[in-house]
Amino acid sequence: MKTRKTPVHETIYICTAMALVSGFLEAYTYLLKGGIFANAQTGNFALMGIAIAGGEFGKALTYLIPMCFYVLGIALTVTMPRLLDDKGLINWHTVFVFCEIVMLFIIGFLPDTVPFTISTVAVAFICAMQYNTFKRTNNVAFSSTFCTNNLRQLALHLLDYIRTKDKQSLKNSFTYMLINASFLLGAVIGTLCAKAWAEKSIWFCCVVLIPVFLALVLGKGN
């Protein structure tokens, strides 16, 4: 049976780097941008419900806006790859990482006097695109922007290894463990950087993503 060659954008280095960036951004928006989670929207749904129950409808709107842009980001990741493939242009993964670097670099220039909604909307938009762009690593599906399903898959594969002694299941469980550990490390670094450099700390993500972009360019993104 012929083994499937792993595309560059599915390599464990690329995907752990994306998870690390996501953990950083989760800490960044929560600590500096009004306690809003921009990576995944489950927490924002809960916080919006709490705000509505407390009669804080203006605050509830601050959670709704990033949700809408999250949906827009997902829609873009469906249409853009098809457009690029049809025209035989550069791979979408490469284009996206370049755009992410540029957007995060610009966000770092925004002063703290700018309404935090602008930053959280931009980060939510980025994270939605990242979530629907980087979806596999080591031949398994994963999420680079939140940990819940990764944790579920870790448990399932680990239990399967205990039951069957299948080494691939053990390898898969370690893959999910590494992704979640990278996300956690990103949140730790994000917290420390946010305390030290405030809004400009987001440039750390650009430092992480530049080698990712170069790897995609040199590997032709696929």
Protein backbone atom coordinates (compact mmCIF):
# COMPACT_ATOMS: atom_id res chain seq x y z
CA MET A 1 0.00 0.00 0.00
CA LYS A 2 1.41 3.36 -1.06
CA THR A 3 2.02 5.76 1.83
CA ARG A 4 0.50 9.21 1.42
CA LYS A 5 3.13 11.91 1.26
CA THR A 6 2.57 14.51 3.96
CA PRO A 7 2.03 18.00 2.49
CA VAL A 8 4.20 20.75 3.96
CA HIS A 9 1.24 22.47 5.60
CA GLU A 10 0.40 19.24 7.46
CA THR A 11 3.84 18.70 8.98
CA ILE A 12 3.96 18.66 12.76
CA TYR A 13 6.33 21.67 12.90
CA ILE A 14 3.93 23.86 10.94
CA CYS A 15 0.87 22.75 12.89
CA THR A 16 2.41 23.07 16.36
CA ALA A 17 3.58 26.57 15.41
CA MET A 18 0.02 27.48 14.39
CA ALA A 19 -1.32 26.06 17.68
CA LEU A 20 1.25 28.07 19.64
CA VAL A 21 0.17 31.27 17.87
CA SER A 22 -3.47 30.46 18.65
CA GLY A 23 -2.74 30.00 22.35
CA PHE A 24 -0.91 33.32 22.35
CA LEU A 25 -3.81 35.12 20.67
CA GLU A 26 -6.33 33.62 23.11
CA ALA A 27 -4.39 35.05 26.05
CA TYR A 28 -3.79 38.33 24.18
CA THR A 29 -7.44 39.13 23.47
CA TYR A 30 -8.64 37.94 26.86
CA LEU A 31 -6.11 39.98 28.85
CA LEU A 32 -5.88 43.11 26.69
CA LYS A 33 -9.11 43.26 24.68
CA GLY A 34 -12.02 43.18 27.08
CA GLY A 35 -11.98 39.55 28.20
CA ILE A 36 -13.07 38.27 24.80
CA PHE A 37 -12.04 34.91 23.35
CA ALA A 38 -11.26 35.30 19.66
CA ASN A 39 -10.05 31.80 18.71
CA ALA A 40 -13.22 29.81 19.29
CA GLN A 41 -16.64 31.24 19.98
CA THR A 42 -18.08 28.88 22.62
CA GLY A 43 -16.85 31.02 25.49
CA ASN A 44 -18.22 34.14 23.81
CA PHE A 45 -21.67 32.53 23.49
CA ALA A 46 -21.64 31.85 27.24
CA LEU A 47 -20.38 35.35 28.07
CA MET A 48 -22.99 36.90 25.76
CA GLY A 49 -25.71 34.92 27.51
CA ILE A 50 -24.46 36.12 30.89
CA ALA A 51 -24.47 39.72 29.62
CA ILE A 52 -28.02 39.40 28.24
CA ALA A 53 -29.26 37.87 31.49
CA GLY A 54 -27.74 40.82 33.36
CA GLY A 55 -29.38 43.33 31.04
CA GLU A 56 -26.01 44.43 29.63
CA PHE A 57 -27.09 44.45 26.00
CA GLY A 58 -24.29 46.74 24.86
CA LYS A 59 -21.75 44.35 26.33
CA ALA A 60 -23.53 41.43 24.69
CA LEU A 61 -23.01 43.11 21.33
CA THR A 62 -19.23 43.13 21.87
CA TYR A 63 -19.35 39.32 21.86
CA LEU A 64 -21.66 39.11 18.85
CA ILE A 65 -19.44 41.16 16.53
CA PRO A 66 -16.41 38.79 16.59
CA MET A 67 -18.81 35.87 16.07
CA CYS A 68 -20.05 37.43 12.83
CA PHE A 69 -16.53 38.00 11.56
CA TYR A 70 -15.64 34.44 12.55
CA VAL A 71 -18.37 33.23 10.17
CA LEU A 72 -17.02 35.56 7.48
CA GLY A 73 -13.53 34.14 7.95
CA ILE A 74 -14.79 30.59 7.50
CA ALA A 75 -16.61 31.62 4.31
CA LEU A 76 -13.43 33.14 2.91
CA THR A 77 -11.45 29.93 3.47
CA VAL A 78 -14.03 28.05 1.40
CA THR A 79 -14.03 30.45 -1.57
CA MET A 80 -10.38 31.53 -1.77
CA PRO A 81 -8.74 28.09 -2.15
CA ARG A 82 -11.14 27.29 -5.00
CA LEU A 83 -10.32 30.57 -6.70
CA LEU A 84 -6.58 30.04 -6.40
CA ASP A 85 -6.81 26.40 -7.55
CA ASP A 86 -8.89 27.35 -10.59
CA LYS A 87 -6.31 29.92 -11.66
CA GLY A 88 -3.31 27.73 -10.80
CA LEU A 89 -1.91 30.40 -8.51
CA ILE A 90 0.00 30.13 -5.23
CA ASN A 91 -1.27 27.71 -2.59
CA TRP A 92 -3.88 29.11 -0.19
CA HIS A 93 -1.97 28.02 2.95
CA THR A 94 0.97 30.19 1.89
CA VAL A 95 -1.27 33.15 1.07
CA PHE A 96 -3.09 32.86 4.38
CA VAL A 97 0.06 32.77 6.54
CA PHE A 98 1.40 35.84 4.73
CA CYS A 99 -1.89 37.67 5.33
CA GLU A 100 -1.88 36.60 8.98
CA ILE A 101 1.61 38.00 9.49
CA VAL A 102 0.62 41.33 7.90
CA MET A 103 -2.63 41.63 9.87
CA LEU A 104 -1.02 40.80 13.22
CA PHE A 105 1.80 43.23 12.51
CA ILE A 106 -0.73 46.00 11.84
CA ILE A 107 -2.71 45.15 14.99
CA GLY A 108 0.46 45.69 17.01
CA PHE A 109 0.56 49.31 15.88
CA LEU A 110 -2.95 50.09 17.13
CA PRO A 111 -2.78 52.23 20.29
CA ASP A 112 -4.74 51.22 23.37
CA THR A 113 -7.07 54.16 22.71
CA VAL A 114 -8.52 52.33 19.70
CA PRO A 115 -11.70 50.40 20.69
CA PHE A 116 -10.73 46.83 21.53
CA THR A 117 -13.55 45.56 19.30
CA ILE A 118 -11.42 46.36 16.24
CA SER A 119 -8.59 44.12 17.42
CA THR A 120 -10.82 41.28 18.58
CA VAL A 121 -12.75 41.30 15.31
CA ALA A 122 -9.49 41.12 13.35
CA VAL A 123 -8.14 38.30 15.51
CA ALA A 124 -11.43 36.38 15.31
CA PHE A 125 -11.33 36.73 11.53
CA ILE A 126 -7.75 35.43 11.43
CA CYS A 127 -8.45 32.53 13.79
CA ALA A 128 -11.50 31.44 11.81
CA MET A 129 -9.42 31.28 8.65
CA GLN A 130 -6.62 29.45 10.44
CA TYR A 131 -9.04 26.93 11.92
CA ASN A 132 -10.49 26.06 8.52
CA THR A 133 -7.13 26.15 6.70
CA PHE A 134 -4.89 23.98 8.88
CA LYS A 135 -6.98 20.89 9.58
CA ARG A 136 -4.66 17.86 9.44
CA THR A 137 -1.27 16.84 10.76
CA ASN A 138 0.47 13.46 10.88
CA ASN A 139 -2.49 12.12 8.87
CA VAL A 140 -5.06 12.96 11.58
CA ALA A 141 -7.62 15.76 11.79
CA PHE A 142 -6.94 18.40 14.44
CA SER A 143 -7.76 21.95 15.46
CA SER A 144 -5.06 24.60 15.70
CA THR A 145 -7.26 27.18 17.43
CA PHE A 146 -8.87 25.33 20.34
CA CYS A 147 -8.20 22.20 22.38
CA THR A 148 -11.51 20.49 23.20
CA ASN A 149 -11.70 18.09 20.27
CA ASN A 150 -7.95 17.53 20.35
CA LEU A 151 -8.29 16.44 23.97
CA ARG A 152 -11.17 14.13 23.03
CA GLN A 153 -9.14 12.55 20.23
CA LEU A 154 -6.13 12.16 22.53
CA ALA A 155 -8.26 10.18 24.97
CA LEU A 156 -9.85 8.04 22.25
CA HIS A 157 -6.54 7.11 20.60
CA LEU A 158 -4.86 6.45 23.94
CA LEU A 159 -7.69 4.14 25.00
CA ASP A 160 -7.52 2.41 21.64
CA TYR A 161 -3.79 1.80 22.18
CA ILE A 162 -4.44 0.36 25.65
CA ARG A 163 -7.08 -1.95 24.17
CA THR A 164 -5.34 -3.02 20.94
CA LYS A 165 -1.64 -2.12 21.44
CA ASP A 166 -1.77 -0.43 18.03
CA LYS A 167 1.34 1.75 17.81
CA GLN A 168 -0.34 4.13 15.37
CA SER A 169 -2.98 4.93 17.99
CA LEU A 170 -0.22 5.72 20.48
CA LYS A 171 1.49 7.94 17.91
CA ASN A 172 -1.78 9.75 17.24
CA SER A 173 -2.36 10.36 20.94
CA PHE A 174 1.09 11.92 21.21
CA THR A 175 0.33 14.12 18.21
CA TYR A 176 -2.76 15.54 19.93
CA MET A 177 -0.82 15.91 23.17
CA LEU A 178 1.87 17.91 21.37
CA ILE A 179 -0.69 20.18 19.68
CA ASN A 180 -2.43 20.93 22.99
CA ALA A 181 0.90 21.47 24.74
CA SER A 182 1.87 23.96 22.01
CA PHE A 183 -1.41 25.83 22.51
CA LEU A 184 -0.80 25.92 26.28
CA LEU A 185 2.76 27.16 25.77
CA GLY A 186 1.43 29.89 23.50
CA ALA A 187 -1.01 31.01 26.21
CA VAL A 188 1.80 31.12 28.78
CA ILE A 189 4.05 33.14 26.47
CA GLY A 190 1.12 35.36 25.48
CA THR A 191 0.38 36.18 29.10
CA LEU A 192 4.00 37.05 29.89
CA CYS A 193 4.42 39.12 26.72
CA ALA A 194 1.12 40.95 27.22
CA LYS A 195 2.24 42.00 30.70
CA ALA A 196 5.63 43.15 29.40
CA TRP A 197 4.79 44.79 26.07
CA ALA A 198 1.00 45.20 26.00
CA GLU A 199 -0.43 45.61 22.48
CA LYS A 200 2.93 45.28 20.74
CA SER A 201 3.40 41.80 22.21
CA ILE A 202 1.35 40.43 19.30
CA TRP A 203 4.45 40.84 17.13
CA PHE A 204 5.77 37.69 18.80
CA CYS A 205 3.30 35.81 16.59
CA CYS A 206 4.87 37.35 13.51
CA VAL A 207 8.27 36.08 14.63
CA VAL A 208 6.83 32.56 14.91
CA LEU A 209 4.97 32.75 11.60
CA ILE A 210 7.79 34.05 9.38
CA PRO A 211 9.65 30.68 9.42
CA VAL A 212 6.30 28.96 8.78
CA PHE A 213 5.75 31.17 5.74
CA LEU A 214 9.26 30.46 4.42
CA ALA A 215 8.76 26.72 4.90
CA LEU A 216 5.53 26.89 2.92
CA VAL A 217 7.14 28.92 0.14
CA LEU A 218 10.13 26.59 -0.14
CA GLY A 219 7.86 23.55 0.04
CA LYS A 220 5.41 25.18 -2.40
CA GLY A 221 2.70 24.99 0.31
CA ASN A 222 1.51 21.52 -0.60
